[in-house]
Amino acid sequence: MKKSDQIIVQGDKWLRIKDQRIHGTTHEVVSERFERERPSLQALPPRAFDTSWRIYRKV
């Protein structure tokens, strides 16, 4: 098995375990909360945001 395949397998295992935990702030199971919120999620925009633009303000 290639190293990249091992990383994917380990990542999948980690996600399955961590998605079942109780979140410290919401006190809900992470995967259940995600499934409840899934219908409200939207696709990312087709283009990346321009993060080079800056505004400096003097306060």
Protein backbone atom coordinates (compact mmCIF):
# COMPACT_ATOMS: atom_id res chain seq x y z
CA MET A 1 0.00 0.00 0.00
CA LYS A 2 1.34 3.44 -0.93
CA LYS A 3 1.89 6.02 1.76
CA SER A 4 -0.81 8.29 0.27
CA ASP A 5 -3.31 5.41 0.43
CA GLN A 6 -2.41 4.80 4.07
CA ILE A 7 -3.00 8.47 4.86
CA ILE A 8 -6.44 8.33 3.25
CA VAL A 9 -7.37 5.17 5.19
CA GLN A 10 -6.16 6.68 8.47
CA GLY A 11 -8.00 9.94 7.73
CA ASP A 12 -11.25 8.11 7.05
CA LYS A 13 -10.89 6.17 10.30
CA TRP A 14 -10.17 9.37 12.24
CA LEU A 15 -13.24 11.10 10.74
CA ARG A 16 -15.54 8.18 11.59
CA ILE A 17 -14.38 8.30 15.21
CA LYS A 18 -14.38 12.08 15.64
CA ASP A 19 -17.74 12.59 13.90
CA GLN A 20 -19.39 10.57 16.68
CA ARG A 21 -18.03 12.68 19.54
CA ILE A 22 -20.02 15.21 21.54
CA HIS A 23 -18.92 18.74 20.59
CA GLY A 24 -17.72 20.73 23.58
CA THR A 25 -19.64 23.92 22.75
CA THR A 26 -22.86 22.69 21.13
CA HIS A 27 -23.09 19.49 23.22
CA GLU A 28 -24.32 17.67 20.10
CA VAL A 29 -22.95 14.74 18.12
CA VAL A 30 -20.89 16.30 15.32
CA SER A 31 -22.24 14.10 12.49
CA GLU A 32 -25.87 14.62 13.56
CA ARG A 33 -25.43 18.39 13.61
CA PHE A 34 -23.80 18.31 10.18
CA GLU A 35 -26.65 16.27 8.68
CA ARG A 36 -29.20 18.68 10.13
CA GLU A 37 -27.35 21.68 8.67
CA ARG A 38 -26.52 20.05 5.29
CA PRO A 39 -29.64 21.39 3.48
CA SER A 40 -28.60 24.97 4.35
CA LEU A 41 -25.06 24.66 2.99
CA GLN A 42 -24.25 26.30 -0.33
CA ALA A 43 -21.61 25.55 -2.93
CA LEU A 44 -18.40 27.54 -2.91
CA PRO A 45 -18.10 30.25 -5.57
CA PRO A 46 -16.46 29.09 -8.82
CA ARG A 47 -13.55 31.52 -8.37
CA ALA A 48 -11.34 31.95 -5.33
CA PHE A 49 -11.66 35.13 -3.31
CA ASP A 50 -9.08 37.85 -3.95
CA THR A 51 -7.27 38.07 -0.64
CA SER A 52 -4.61 40.51 -1.84
CA TRP A 53 -6.87 43.58 -1.51
CA ARG A 54 -6.40 45.42 1.77
CA ILE A 55 -7.76 48.56 3.40
CA TYR A 56 -5.86 50.17 6.24
CA ARG A 57 -7.70 52.45 8.62
CA LYS A 58 -6.34 54.81 11.20
CA VAL A 59 -8.28 54.70 14.45
